[in-house]
Amino acid sequence: MKESILMSNTIDPNNPPHLFVVIVNYRTPNLTIDCLHSLVNEVRSLPGTRVVVTDNASGDNSVEKIQTAIENEGWGEWVSLMPLERNGGFAFGNNAAIHPVINSPTPPNYILLLNPDTIVRPGALKPLVDFMDKHPQAGIAGSRLEDPDSTVQVSAFRFHSILSELDDGLRLRFGKKFKERWAVVPPNFPDNITQVDWVAGASMIVRRQVFEQVGLMDEGYFMYYEEADFCLQANRAGWACYYVPESRVVHLVGQSSGVTNPQAARKRRPQYWFDSRRRYFVKNHGWLYALLADTAFAVSFALTKLRWLIMGQQPVDPPQFLSDFLRNSVIAKGFIQSLP
């Protein structure tokens, strides 16, 4: 089994992939296999497409189950499985596949990051590739993510800032003009191709030259904020990011991470979310800016909790969220420890 997996990881130098798809699996073999099923016709419609599934040391039967599906379904010509020695997070799992292929003699034009908890709608990948082919200034583009019933999910965003943290903490429904300019989630979500700051990494296509210019994704993030950080680095290097809603992908929200699904609201926010948020602000804006961002959120969210208490409203955030936030703030963790 191990030998066949390693052999299947090689890329034919005489037939380089135009599109290279990376799926990072961690203890979600059934979801990953369903995702691969949805890619069968997409691969046929885009000759030269290759897919690599990396496994972040799941420690269950993921490797065996996924490899068996690849063999039984006859997917070996376009799917490879790459077991990794440790679980280094989302960026680590993607980089493990991206690094060797972009440094190969015949690298692909585009790399698509695709979550294992996605189902690609028929004809979803070609619009992304066609858009990138026609717009050389575009470095990154994201799909329209949606629920199984086609309800649109927010998947295009503005960069995080002090004012966006203030907006997030206040949780006010009014102030449309303020939100239009500063909120991470825009009040009017676009329904056509739009240039945005960053897109969700659940289905995000990246031009190879972006990786060559700004480097791979930052493995200092275990999960969350890494795609926002990567899009920011690309933006600073002059690459534009777009939302392409013609590319429709079902996203089973939080099934792979367990953080953003409905059940997660009853659980405390994991440590790596706070670490990623702190890293994003310190790395990209400096410790003073990060301190101000922490203060903006903490004060505004404390006021929101007081408002909820007076009005008798139930909290909608994870348990002990504010206290956990304060314990993981820049000032509590220390400026030197803020960027591991």
C-alpha atoms as a PDB file:
ATOM      1  CA  MET A   1       0.000   0.000   0.000  1.00  0.00           C
ATOM      2  CA  LYS A   2       2.688   2.531   1.000  1.00  0.00           C
ATOM      3  CA  GLU A   3       4.736   1.878  -2.137  1.00  0.00           C
ATOM      4  CA  SER A   4       1.738   2.407  -4.432  1.00  0.00           C
ATOM      5  CA  ILE A   5       0.900   5.667  -2.660  1.00  0.00           C
ATOM      6  CA  LEU A   6       4.428   7.017  -3.049  1.00  0.00           C
ATOM      7  CA  MET A   7       4.574   6.015  -6.700  1.00  0.00           C
ATOM      8  CA  SER A   8       1.252   7.720  -7.411  1.00  0.00           C
ATOM      9  CA  ASN A   9       2.604  11.038  -6.117  1.00  0.00           C
ATOM     10  CA  THR A  10       4.898  11.567  -9.108  1.00  0.00           C
ATOM     11  CA  ILE A  11       3.993  14.113 -11.795  1.00  0.00           C
ATOM     12  CA  ASP A  12       4.634  13.190 -15.430  1.00  0.00           C
ATOM     13  CA  PRO A  13       7.071  15.849 -16.733  1.00  0.00           C
ATOM     14  CA  ASN A  14       5.778  15.263 -20.268  1.00  0.00           C
ATOM     15  CA  ASN A  15       2.197  16.045 -19.250  1.00  0.00           C
ATOM     16  CA  PRO A  16       2.245  18.909 -16.734  1.00  0.00           C
ATOM     17  CA  PRO A  17      -1.091  19.752 -15.085  1.00  0.00           C
ATOM     18  CA  HIS A  18      -2.806  22.984 -16.114  1.00  0.00           C
ATOM     19  CA  LEU A  19      -4.768  22.879 -12.855  1.00  0.00           C
ATOM     20  CA  PHE A  20      -3.420  21.290  -9.699  1.00  0.00           C
ATOM     21  CA  VAL A  21      -5.982  20.661  -6.938  1.00  0.00           C
ATOM     22  CA  VAL A  22      -4.977  20.138  -3.300  1.00  0.00           C
ATOM     23  CA  ILE A  23      -7.328  18.642  -0.696  1.00  0.00           C
ATOM     24  CA  VAL A  24      -6.135  18.416   2.917  1.00  0.00           C
ATOM     25  CA  ASN A  25      -7.716  15.561   4.846  1.00  0.00           C
ATOM     26  CA  TYR A  26      -7.749  15.170   8.597  1.00  0.00           C
ATOM     27  CA  ARG A  27      -9.976  12.386   9.855  1.00  0.00           C
ATOM     28  CA  THR A  28     -12.655  13.088   7.239  1.00  0.00           C
ATOM     29  CA  PRO A  29     -12.141  10.245   4.730  1.00  0.00           C
ATOM     30  CA  ASN A  30     -15.818   9.945   3.786  1.00  0.00           C
ATOM     31  CA  LEU A  31     -16.107  13.662   3.083  1.00  0.00           C
ATOM     32  CA  THR A  32     -12.887  13.578   1.058  1.00  0.00           C
ATOM     33  CA  ILE A  33     -14.125  10.656  -1.032  1.00  0.00           C
ATOM     34  CA  ASP A  34     -17.425  12.461  -1.680  1.00  0.00           C
ATOM     35  CA  CYS A  35     -15.437  15.511  -2.768  1.00  0.00           C
ATOM     36  CA  LEU A  36     -13.393  13.379  -5.161  1.00  0.00           C
ATOM     37  CA  HIS A  37     -16.591  11.915  -6.610  1.00  0.00           C
ATOM     38  CA  SER A  38     -17.770  15.441  -7.406  1.00  0.00           C
ATOM     39  CA  LEU A  39     -14.496  16.138  -9.242  1.00  0.00           C
ATOM     40  CA  VAL A  40     -14.723  13.257 -11.724  1.00  0.00           C
ATOM     41  CA  ASN A  41     -16.569  15.162 -14.469  1.00  0.00           C
ATOM     42  CA  GLU A  42     -14.645  18.356 -13.696  1.00  0.00           C
ATOM     43  CA  VAL A  43     -11.373  16.600 -14.413  1.00  0.00           C
ATOM     44  CA  ARG A  44     -12.767  15.256 -17.681  1.00  0.00           C
ATOM     45  CA  SER A  45     -13.813  18.753 -18.753  1.00  0.00           C
ATOM     46  CA  LEU A  46     -10.383  20.203 -17.907  1.00  0.00           C
ATOM     47  CA  PRO A  47      -7.721  17.963 -19.475  1.00  0.00           C
ATOM     48  CA  GLY A  48      -4.460  18.013 -17.579  1.00  0.00           C
ATOM     49  CA  THR A  49      -6.029  18.475 -14.164  1.00  0.00           C
ATOM     50  CA  ARG A  50      -4.333  16.650 -11.310  1.00  0.00           C
ATOM     51  CA  VAL A  51      -5.507  16.230  -7.708  1.00  0.00           C
ATOM     52  CA  VAL A  52      -3.440  15.474  -4.615  1.00  0.00           C
ATOM     53  CA  VAL A  53      -4.979  14.578  -1.273  1.00  0.00           C
ATOM     54  CA  THR A  54      -2.624  15.183   1.629  1.00  0.00           C
ATOM     55  CA  ASP A  55      -3.398  13.468   4.917  1.00  0.00           C
ATOM     56  CA  ASN A  56      -2.352  15.397   8.023  1.00  0.00           C
ATOM     57  CA  ALA A  57      -1.394  12.296  10.035  1.00  0.00           C
ATOM     58  CA  SER A  58      -5.033  11.481  10.762  1.00  0.00           C
ATOM     59  CA  GLY A  59      -4.124   8.428  12.804  1.00  0.00           C
ATOM     60  CA  ASP A  60      -7.346   6.684  11.808  1.00  0.00           C
ATOM     61  CA  ASN A  61      -8.172   4.707   8.685  1.00  0.00           C
ATOM     62  CA  SER A  62      -8.168   7.757   6.397  1.00  0.00           C
ATOM     63  CA  VAL A  63      -5.144   6.798   4.310  1.00  0.00           C
ATOM     64  CA  GLU A  64      -6.305   3.243   3.705  1.00  0.00           C
ATOM     65  CA  LYS A  65      -9.904   4.259   3.028  1.00  0.00           C
ATOM     66  CA  ILE A  66      -9.046   7.035   0.569  1.00  0.00           C
ATOM     67  CA  GLN A  67      -6.446   4.946  -1.256  1.00  0.00           C
ATOM     68  CA  THR A  68      -8.897   2.059  -1.566  1.00  0.00           C
ATOM     69  CA  ALA A  69     -11.483   4.418  -3.069  1.00  0.00           C
ATOM     70  CA  ILE A  70      -8.913   5.746  -5.558  1.00  0.00           C
ATOM     71  CA  GLU A  71      -8.055   2.207  -6.652  1.00  0.00           C
ATOM     72  CA  ASN A  72     -11.627   0.880  -6.735  1.00  0.00           C
ATOM     73  CA  GLU A  73     -12.979   3.883  -8.651  1.00  0.00           C
ATOM     74  CA  GLY A  74     -10.095   3.915 -11.137  1.00  0.00           C
ATOM     75  CA  TRP A  75      -9.064   7.457 -10.223  1.00  0.00           C
ATOM     76  CA  GLY A  76      -5.337   6.711 -10.118  1.00  0.00           C
ATOM     77  CA  GLU A  77      -4.570   8.616 -13.322  1.00  0.00           C
ATOM     78  CA  TRP A  78      -5.593  11.935 -11.802  1.00  0.00           C
ATOM     79  CA  VAL A  79      -5.614  11.526  -8.004  1.00  0.00           C
ATOM     80  CA  SER A  80      -2.612  11.002  -5.733  1.00  0.00           C
ATOM     81  CA  LEU A  81      -2.527  10.461  -1.992  1.00  0.00           C
ATOM     82  CA  MET A  82       0.267  11.961   0.110  1.00  0.00           C
ATOM     83  CA  PRO A  83       0.363  10.848   3.774  1.00  0.00           C
ATOM     84  CA  LEU A  84       2.192  13.327   6.002  1.00  0.00           C
ATOM     85  CA  GLU A  85       4.153  12.589   9.160  1.00  0.00           C
ATOM     86  CA  ARG A  86       2.389  15.139  11.364  1.00  0.00           C
ATOM     87  CA  ASN A  87      -0.653  17.380  11.559  1.00  0.00           C
ATOM     88  CA  GLY A  88       0.794  20.808  10.944  1.00  0.00           C
ATOM     89  CA  GLY A  89      -2.496  22.482  10.066  1.00  0.00           C
ATOM     90  CA  PHE A  90      -4.177  23.781   6.920  1.00  0.00           C
ATOM     91  CA  ALA A  91      -1.238  25.723   5.449  1.00  0.00           C
ATOM     92  CA  PHE A  92       1.189  22.897   6.232  1.00  0.00           C
ATOM     93  CA  GLY A  93      -1.023  20.309   4.541  1.00  0.00           C
ATOM     94  CA  ASN A  94      -1.411  22.432   1.404  1.00  0.00           C
ATOM     95  CA  ASN A  95       2.250  23.440   1.227  1.00  0.00           C
ATOM     96  CA  ALA A  96       3.360  19.807   1.378  1.00  0.00           C
ATOM     97  CA  ALA A  97       1.774  19.242  -2.028  1.00  0.00           C
ATOM     98  CA  ILE A  98       2.311  22.694  -3.524  1.00  0.00           C
ATOM     99  CA  HIS A  99       6.040  23.051  -2.834  1.00  0.00           C
ATOM    100  CA  PRO A 100       7.257  20.087  -4.924  1.00  0.00           C
ATOM    101  CA  VAL A 101       4.909  20.726  -7.842  1.00  0.00           C
ATOM    102  CA  ILE A 102       5.730  24.430  -8.292  1.00  0.00           C
ATOM    103  CA  ASN A 103       9.432  23.582  -8.120  1.00  0.00           C
ATOM    104  CA  SER A 104       9.137  20.796 -10.673  1.00  0.00           C
ATOM    105  CA  PRO A 105      10.448  21.242 -14.248  1.00  0.00           C
ATOM    106  CA  THR A 106       6.862  21.478 -15.516  1.00  0.00           C
ATOM    107  CA  PRO A 107       4.774  23.301 -12.867  1.00  0.00           C
ATOM    108  CA  PRO A 108       1.023  23.884 -13.250  1.00  0.00           C
ATOM    109  CA  ASN A 109      -0.433  27.255 -14.159  1.00  0.00           C
ATOM    110  CA  TYR A 110      -2.898  27.246 -11.288  1.00  0.00           C
ATOM    111  CA  ILE A 111      -3.281  25.641  -7.864  1.00  0.00           C
ATOM    112  CA  LEU A 112      -6.758  25.179  -6.397  1.00  0.00           C
ATOM    113  CA  LEU A 113      -7.130  24.798  -2.639  1.00  0.00           C
ATOM    114  CA  LEU A 114     -10.256  22.747  -1.983  1.00  0.00           C
ATOM    115  CA  ASN A 115     -11.695  21.715   1.372  1.00  0.00           C
ATOM    116  CA  PRO A 116     -12.562  18.076   1.978  1.00  0.00           C
ATOM    117  CA  ASP A 117     -16.009  19.197   3.193  1.00  0.00           C
ATOM    118  CA  THR A 118     -16.970  20.523  -0.240  1.00  0.00           C
ATOM    119  CA  ILE A 119     -18.983  19.145  -3.131  1.00  0.00           C
ATOM    120  CA  VAL A 120     -18.117  20.731  -6.449  1.00  0.00           C
ATOM    121  CA  ARG A 121     -21.186  21.607  -8.495  1.00  0.00           C
ATOM    122  CA  PRO A 122     -21.132  20.496 -12.167  1.00  0.00           C
ATOM    123  CA  GLY A 123     -19.086  22.936 -14.222  1.00  0.00           C
ATOM    124  CA  ALA A 124     -17.669  24.748 -11.189  1.00  0.00           C
ATOM    125  CA  LEU A 125     -13.958  24.631 -11.957  1.00  0.00           C
ATOM    126  CA  LYS A 126     -13.906  25.762 -15.583  1.00  0.00           C
ATOM    127  CA  PRO A 127     -15.211  29.289 -14.768  1.00  0.00           C
ATOM    128  CA  LEU A 128     -12.342  29.752 -12.321  1.00  0.00           C
ATOM    129  CA  VAL A 129      -9.730  28.623 -14.836  1.00  0.00           C
ATOM    130  CA  ASP A 130     -11.309  30.636 -17.677  1.00  0.00           C
ATOM    131  CA  PHE A 131     -11.411  33.744 -15.494  1.00  0.00           C
ATOM    132  CA  MET A 132      -7.755  33.408 -14.559  1.00  0.00           C
ATOM    133  CA  ASP A 133      -6.783  32.787 -18.193  1.00  0.00           C
ATOM    134  CA  LYS A 134      -8.565  35.980 -19.279  1.00  0.00           C
ATOM    135  CA  HIS A 135      -7.384  38.207 -16.417  1.00  0.00           C
ATOM    136  CA  PRO A 136      -3.596  38.051 -16.016  1.00  0.00           C
ATOM    137  CA  GLN A 137      -3.675  40.642 -13.226  1.00  0.00           C
ATOM    138  CA  ALA A 138      -5.745  38.272 -11.086  1.00  0.00           C
ATOM    139  CA  GLY A 139      -3.600  36.300  -8.691  1.00  0.00           C
ATOM    140  CA  ILE A 140      -6.363  34.668  -6.664  1.00  0.00           C
ATOM    141  CA  ALA A 141     -10.048  33.899  -7.188  1.00  0.00           C
ATOM    142  CA  GLY A 142     -12.679  32.240  -5.028  1.00  0.00           C
ATOM    143  CA  SER A 143     -15.847  30.291  -5.711  1.00  0.00           C
ATOM    144  CA  ARG A 144     -19.392  31.009  -4.571  1.00  0.00           C
ATOM    145  CA  LEU A 145     -19.783  28.755  -1.537  1.00  0.00           C
ATOM    146  CA  GLU A 146     -23.283  27.593  -0.755  1.00  0.00           C
ATOM    147  CA  ASP A 147     -25.358  25.255   1.387  1.00  0.00           C
ATOM    148  CA  PRO A 148     -26.713  22.036  -0.129  1.00  0.00           C
ATOM    149  CA  ASP A 149     -30.022  23.857  -0.764  1.00  0.00           C
ATOM    150  CA  SER A 150     -28.109  26.529  -2.762  1.00  0.00           C
ATOM    151  CA  THR A 151     -28.316  29.188  -0.047  1.00  0.00           C
ATOM    152  CA  VAL A 152     -25.326  31.491  -0.546  1.00  0.00           C
ATOM    153  CA  GLN A 153     -22.610  31.514   2.100  1.00  0.00           C
ATOM    154  CA  VAL A 154     -20.391  34.550   2.652  1.00  0.00           C
ATOM    155  CA  SER A 155     -17.037  33.694   1.095  1.00  0.00           C
ATOM    156  CA  ALA A 156     -15.549  37.057   0.040  1.00  0.00           C
ATOM    157  CA  PHE A 157     -14.298  39.548   2.587  1.00  0.00           C
ATOM    158  CA  ARG A 158     -12.443  42.741   3.472  1.00  0.00           C
ATOM    159  CA  PHE A 159      -9.159  42.673   5.334  1.00  0.00           C
ATOM    160  CA  HIS A 160      -9.327  42.745   9.127  1.00  0.00           C
ATOM    161  CA  SER A 161      -8.654  46.124  10.737  1.00  0.00           C
ATOM    162  CA  ILE A 162      -9.142  48.007  13.996  1.00  0.00           C
ATOM    163  CA  LEU A 163     -12.463  49.346  12.736  1.00  0.00           C
ATOM    164  CA  SER A 164     -13.625  45.925  11.582  1.00  0.00           C
ATOM    165  CA  GLU A 165     -12.847  44.597  15.077  1.00  0.00           C
ATOM    166  CA  LEU A 166     -14.919  47.420  16.530  1.00  0.00           C
ATOM    167  CA  ASP A 167     -17.800  46.509  14.220  1.00  0.00           C
ATOM    168  CA  ASP A 168     -17.480  42.813  15.068  1.00  0.00           C
ATOM    169  CA  GLY A 169     -17.567  43.535  18.778  1.00  0.00           C
ATOM    170  CA  LEU A 170     -20.562  45.866  18.705  1.00  0.00           C
ATOM    171  CA  ARG A 171     -22.796  43.467  16.716  1.00  0.00           C
ATOM    172  CA  LEU A 172     -25.053  46.307  15.593  1.00  0.00           C
ATOM    173  CA  ARG A 173     -27.528  45.861  12.757  1.00  0.00           C
ATOM    174  CA  PHE A 174     -27.467  49.536  11.747  1.00  0.00           C
ATOM    175  CA  GLY A 175     -24.594  51.669  10.470  1.00  0.00           C
ATOM    176  CA  LYS A 176     -24.744  50.452   6.868  1.00  0.00           C
ATOM    177  CA  LYS A 177     -22.318  53.055   5.524  1.00  0.00           C
ATOM    178  CA  PHE A 178     -19.770  52.163   8.186  1.00  0.00           C
ATOM    179  CA  LYS A 179     -20.170  48.451   7.448  1.00  0.00           C
ATOM    180  CA  GLU A 180     -19.892  49.000   3.696  1.00  0.00           C
ATOM    181  CA  ARG A 181     -16.457  50.501   4.220  1.00  0.00           C
ATOM    182  CA  TRP A 182     -15.018  48.639   7.189  1.00  0.00           C
ATOM    183  CA  ALA A 183     -16.860  45.399   8.045  1.00  0.00           C
ATOM    184  CA  VAL A 184     -15.035  42.176   7.163  1.00  0.00           C
ATOM    185  CA  VAL A 185     -18.346  40.783   5.903  1.00  0.00           C
ATOM    186  CA  PRO A 186     -19.893  43.372   3.548  1.00  0.00           C
ATOM    187  CA  PRO A 187     -23.607  44.123   4.111  1.00  0.00           C
ATOM    188  CA  ASN A 188     -24.339  43.733   0.388  1.00  0.00           C
ATOM    189  CA  PHE A 189     -22.770  40.504  -0.774  1.00  0.00           C
ATOM    190  CA  PRO A 190     -21.917  40.586  -4.512  1.00  0.00           C
ATOM    191  CA  ASP A 191     -23.787  38.382  -6.981  1.00  0.00           C
ATOM    192  CA  ASN A 192     -21.401  38.955  -9.874  1.00  0.00           C
ATOM    193  CA  ILE A 193     -17.660  38.893 -10.468  1.00  0.00           C
ATOM    194  CA  THR A 194     -16.150  41.403  -8.031  1.00  0.00           C
ATOM    195  CA  GLN A 195     -12.681  42.370  -6.897  1.00  0.00           C
ATOM    196  CA  VAL A 196     -12.406  41.761  -3.151  1.00  0.00           C
ATOM    197  CA  ASP A 197      -9.720  41.741  -0.472  1.00  0.00           C
ATOM    198  CA  TRP A 198      -9.701  38.015   0.268  1.00  0.00           C
ATOM    199  CA  VAL A 199     -11.706  34.851  -0.325  1.00  0.00           C
ATOM    200  CA  ALA A 200     -12.371  31.718   1.688  1.00  0.00           C
ATOM    201  CA  GLY A 201      -9.766  28.998   1.351  1.00  0.00           C
ATOM    202  CA  ALA A 202     -12.450  26.336   0.984  1.00  0.00           C
ATOM    203  CA  SER A 203     -12.291  26.851  -2.796  1.00  0.00           C
ATOM    204  CA  MET A 204      -9.538  29.261  -3.797  1.00  0.00           C
ATOM    205  CA  ILE A 205      -7.547  29.194  -7.032  1.00  0.00           C
ATOM    206  CA  VAL A 206      -4.068  30.726  -7.042  1.00  0.00           C
ATOM    207  CA  ARG A 207      -1.850  31.609  -9.990  1.00  0.00           C
ATOM    208  CA  ARG A 208       1.489  29.806  -9.737  1.00  0.00           C
ATOM    209  CA  GLN A 209       3.422  33.059 -10.035  1.00  0.00           C
ATOM    210  CA  VAL A 210       1.832  34.295  -6.797  1.00  0.00           C
ATOM    211  CA  PHE A 211       3.447  31.452  -4.868  1.00  0.00           C
ATOM    212  CA  GLU A 212       6.723  32.095  -6.682  1.00  0.00           C
ATOM    213  CA  GLN A 213       6.641  35.783  -5.741  1.00  0.00           C
ATOM    214  CA  VAL A 214       5.262  35.833  -2.181  1.00  0.00           C
ATOM    215  CA  GLY A 215       6.089  32.304  -1.058  1.00  0.00           C
ATOM    216  CA  LEU A 216       3.918  29.513   0.289  1.00  0.00           C
ATOM    217  CA  MET A 217       1.208  29.911   2.898  1.00  0.00           C
ATOM    218  CA  ASP A 218       2.425  30.791   6.387  1.00  0.00           C
ATOM    219  CA  GLU A 219       2.635  27.577   8.426  1.00  0.00           C
ATOM    220  CA  GLY A 220       2.695  29.626  11.607  1.00  0.00           C
ATOM    221  CA  TYR A 221      -1.098  29.517  11.327  1.00  0.00           C
ATOM    222  CA  PHE A 222      -2.522  26.161  12.332  1.00  0.00           C
ATOM    223  CA  MET A 223      -6.011  26.983  11.087  1.00  0.00           C
ATOM    224  CA  TYR A 224      -7.943  30.182  10.315  1.00  0.00           C
ATOM    225  CA  TYR A 225      -6.627  33.549   9.108  1.00  0.00           C
ATOM    226  CA  GLU A 226      -4.074  31.871   6.848  1.00  0.00           C
ATOM    227  CA  GLU A 227      -5.999  32.580   3.641  1.00  0.00           C
ATOM    228  CA  ALA A 228      -6.603  36.201   4.698  1.00  0.00           C
ATOM    229  CA  ASP A 229      -2.873  36.542   5.401  1.00  0.00           C
ATOM    230  CA  PHE A 230      -1.929  34.940   2.073  1.00  0.00           C
ATOM    231  CA  CYS A 231      -4.297  37.182   0.111  1.00  0.00           C
ATOM    232  CA  LEU A 232      -2.861  40.201   1.934  1.00  0.00           C
ATOM    233  CA  GLN A 233       0.695  39.234   0.966  1.00  0.00           C
ATOM    234  CA  ALA A 234      -0.455  38.814  -2.647  1.00  0.00           C
ATOM    235  CA  ASN A 235      -2.246  42.157  -2.522  1.00  0.00           C
ATOM    236  CA  ARG A 236       0.878  43.905  -1.268  1.00  0.00           C
ATOM    237  CA  ALA A 237       2.808  42.321  -4.143  1.00  0.00           C
ATOM    238  CA  GLY A 238       0.354  43.769  -6.660  1.00  0.00           C
ATOM    239  CA  TRP A 239      -1.925  40.781  -7.305  1.00  0.00           C
ATOM    240  CA  ALA A 240      -5.706  41.262  -7.368  1.00  0.00           C
ATOM    241  CA  CYS A 241      -8.214  38.904  -5.749  1.00  0.00           C
ATOM    242  CA  TYR A 242     -11.668  38.189  -7.171  1.00  0.00           C
ATOM    243  CA  TYR A 243     -14.943  36.513  -6.267  1.00  0.00           C
ATOM    244  CA  VAL A 244     -16.292  34.399  -9.161  1.00  0.00           C
ATOM    245  CA  PRO A 245     -19.852  33.287  -8.318  1.00  0.00           C
ATOM    246  CA  GLU A 246     -20.299  31.299 -11.540  1.00  0.00           C
ATOM    247  CA  SER A 247     -18.082  28.722  -9.836  1.00  0.00           C
ATOM    248  CA  ARG A 248     -20.491  27.113  -7.369  1.00  0.00           C
ATOM    249  CA  VAL A 249     -19.249  24.827  -4.611  1.00  0.00           C
ATOM    250  CA  VAL A 250     -21.267  23.309  -1.785  1.00  0.00           C
ATOM    251  CA  HIS A 251     -19.521  23.841   1.540  1.00  0.00           C
ATOM    252  CA  LEU A 252     -20.610  21.700   4.476  1.00  0.00           C
ATOM    253  CA  VAL A 253     -19.613  24.424   6.914  1.00  0.00           C
ATOM    254  CA  GLY A 254     -17.326  23.389   9.747  1.00  0.00           C
ATOM    255  CA  GLN A 255     -17.475  19.657   9.014  1.00  0.00           C
ATOM    256  CA  SER A 256     -13.708  19.422   8.619  1.00  0.00           C
ATOM    257  CA  SER A 257     -12.744  21.808  11.440  1.00  0.00           C
ATOM    258  CA  GLY A 258     -15.656  21.602  13.860  1.00  0.00           C
ATOM    259  CA  VAL A 259     -15.333  25.325  14.658  1.00  0.00           C
ATOM    260  CA  THR A 260     -18.001  27.023  12.563  1.00  0.00           C
ATOM    261  CA  ASN A 261     -20.742  24.400  12.512  1.00  0.00           C
ATOM    262  CA  PRO A 262     -23.862  24.998  14.672  1.00  0.00           C
ATOM    263  CA  GLN A 263     -22.662  22.612  17.402  1.00  0.00           C
ATOM    264  CA  ALA A 264     -19.478  24.658  17.814  1.00  0.00           C
ATOM    265  CA  ALA A 265     -21.443  27.541  19.365  1.00  0.00           C
ATOM    266  CA  ARG A 266     -21.829  25.338  22.459  1.00  0.00           C
ATOM    267  CA  LYS A 267     -18.075  24.726  22.694  1.00  0.00           C
ATOM    268  CA  ARG A 268     -15.252  27.055  23.678  1.00  0.00           C
ATOM    269  CA  ARG A 269     -13.310  28.536  20.774  1.00  0.00           C
ATOM    270  CA  PRO A 270     -10.106  26.494  20.255  1.00  0.00           C
ATOM    271  CA  GLN A 271      -6.727  27.892  21.203  1.00  0.00           C
ATOM    272  CA  TYR A 272      -5.454  27.884  17.625  1.00  0.00           C
ATOM    273  CA  TRP A 273      -8.159  30.373  16.543  1.00  0.00           C
ATOM    274  CA  PHE A 274      -6.908  32.938  19.063  1.00  0.00           C
ATOM    275  CA  ASP A 275      -3.282  32.218  18.137  1.00  0.00           C
ATOM    276  CA  SER A 276      -4.054  32.730  14.437  1.00  0.00           C
ATOM    277  CA  ARG A 277      -5.913  35.972  15.004  1.00  0.00           C
ATOM    278  CA  ARG A 278      -3.090  37.381  17.141  1.00  0.00           C
ATOM    279  CA  ARG A 279      -0.493  36.305  14.599  1.00  0.00           C
ATOM    280  CA  TYR A 280      -2.366  37.985  11.749  1.00  0.00           C
ATOM    281  CA  PHE A 281      -2.444  41.405  13.402  1.00  0.00           C
ATOM    282  CA  VAL A 282       1.097  41.363  14.830  1.00  0.00           C
ATOM    283  CA  LYS A 283       2.678  40.005  11.653  1.00  0.00           C
ATOM    284  CA  ASN A 284       0.910  42.335   9.236  1.00  0.00           C
ATOM    285  CA  HIS A 285       0.454  45.527  11.269  1.00  0.00           C
ATOM    286  CA  GLY A 286       2.817  45.417  14.250  1.00  0.00           C
ATOM    287  CA  TRP A 287       2.242  44.943  17.968  1.00  0.00           C
ATOM    288  CA  LEU A 288       0.846  48.434  18.643  1.00  0.00           C
ATOM    289  CA  TYR A 289      -1.809  48.074  15.967  1.00  0.00           C
ATOM    290  CA  ALA A 290      -2.591  44.575  17.284  1.00  0.00           C
ATOM    291  CA  LEU A 291      -2.988  45.984  20.782  1.00  0.00           C
ATOM    292  CA  LEU A 292      -5.414  48.621  19.514  1.00  0.00           C
ATOM    293  CA  ALA A 293      -7.356  45.976  17.575  1.00  0.00           C
ATOM    294  CA  ASP A 294      -7.604  43.824  20.714  1.00  0.00           C
ATOM    295  CA  THR A 295      -8.777  46.819  22.728  1.00  0.00           C
ATOM    296  CA  ALA A 296     -11.368  47.796  20.122  1.00  0.00           C
ATOM    297  CA  PHE A 297     -12.897  44.341  20.116  1.00  0.00           C
ATOM    298  CA  ALA A 298     -12.714  43.708  23.868  1.00  0.00           C
ATOM    299  CA  VAL A 299     -14.336  47.022  24.850  1.00  0.00           C
ATOM    300  CA  SER A 300     -17.032  46.896  22.174  1.00  0.00           C
ATOM    301  CA  PHE A 301     -17.866  43.255  22.847  1.00  0.00           C
ATOM    302  CA  ALA A 302     -18.052  43.889  26.607  1.00  0.00           C
ATOM    303  CA  LEU A 303     -20.604  46.624  25.862  1.00  0.00           C
ATOM    304  CA  THR A 304     -22.505  44.184  23.672  1.00  0.00           C
ATOM    305  CA  LYS A 305     -22.631  41.608  26.456  1.00  0.00           C
ATOM    306  CA  LEU A 306     -23.950  44.289  28.806  1.00  0.00           C
ATOM    307  CA  ARG A 307     -26.608  45.217  26.249  1.00  0.00           C
ATOM    308  CA  TRP A 308     -27.615  41.558  25.912  1.00  0.00           C
ATOM    309  CA  LEU A 309     -27.858  41.258  29.704  1.00  0.00           C
ATOM    310  CA  ILE A 310     -30.083  44.338  30.024  1.00  0.00           C
ATOM    311  CA  MET A 311     -32.326  43.216  27.162  1.00  0.00           C
ATOM    312  CA  GLY A 312     -32.464  39.614  28.353  1.00  0.00           C
ATOM    313  CA  GLN A 313     -30.940  38.246  25.139  1.00  0.00           C
ATOM    314  CA  GLN A 314     -29.067  34.976  24.994  1.00  0.00           C
ATOM    315  CA  PRO A 315     -25.390  35.126  23.934  1.00  0.00           C
ATOM    316  CA  VAL A 316     -24.624  33.783  20.466  1.00  0.00           C
ATOM    317  CA  ASP A 317     -20.895  33.261  20.948  1.00  0.00           C
ATOM    318  CA  PRO A 318     -19.031  30.247  22.361  1.00  0.00           C
ATOM    319  CA  PRO A 319     -18.916  29.910  26.163  1.00  0.00           C
ATOM    320  CA  GLN A 320     -16.336  32.084  27.959  1.00  0.00           C
ATOM    321  CA  PHE A 321     -15.448  33.768  24.677  1.00  0.00           C
ATOM    322  CA  LEU A 322     -14.603  37.184  26.127  1.00  0.00           C
ATOM    323  CA  SER A 323     -12.466  35.785  28.951  1.00  0.00           C
ATOM    324  CA  ASP A 324     -10.664  33.490  26.499  1.00  0.00           C
ATOM    325  CA  PHE A 325     -10.130  36.448  24.178  1.00  0.00           C
ATOM    326  CA  LEU A 326      -8.600  38.540  26.943  1.00  0.00           C
ATOM    327  CA  ARG A 327      -6.296  35.687  28.016  1.00  0.00           C
ATOM    328  CA  ASN A 328      -5.085  35.414  24.432  1.00  0.00           C
ATOM    329  CA  SER A 329      -4.751  39.120  23.697  1.00  0.00           C
ATOM    330  CA  VAL A 330      -1.447  40.680  22.719  1.00  0.00           C
ATOM    331  CA  ILE A 331      -0.955  42.320  26.097  1.00  0.00           C
ATOM    332  CA  ALA A 332      -1.747  39.117  28.014  1.00  0.00           C
ATOM    333  CA  LYS A 333       0.483  36.903  25.875  1.00  0.00           C
ATOM    334  CA  GLY A 334       3.288  39.406  25.627  1.00  0.00           C
ATOM    335  CA  PHE A 335       4.545  41.154  22.519  1.00  0.00           C
ATOM    336  CA  ILE A 336       7.537  38.858  22.060  1.00  0.00           C
ATOM    337  CA  GLN A 337       5.390  35.721  22.205  1.00  0.00           C
ATOM    338  CA  SER A 338       2.789  37.114  19.819  1.00  0.00           C
ATOM    339  CA  LEU A 339       4.548  35.940  16.653  1.00  0.00           C
ATOM    340  CA  PRO A 340       5.887  32.383  17.151  1.00  0.00           C
END
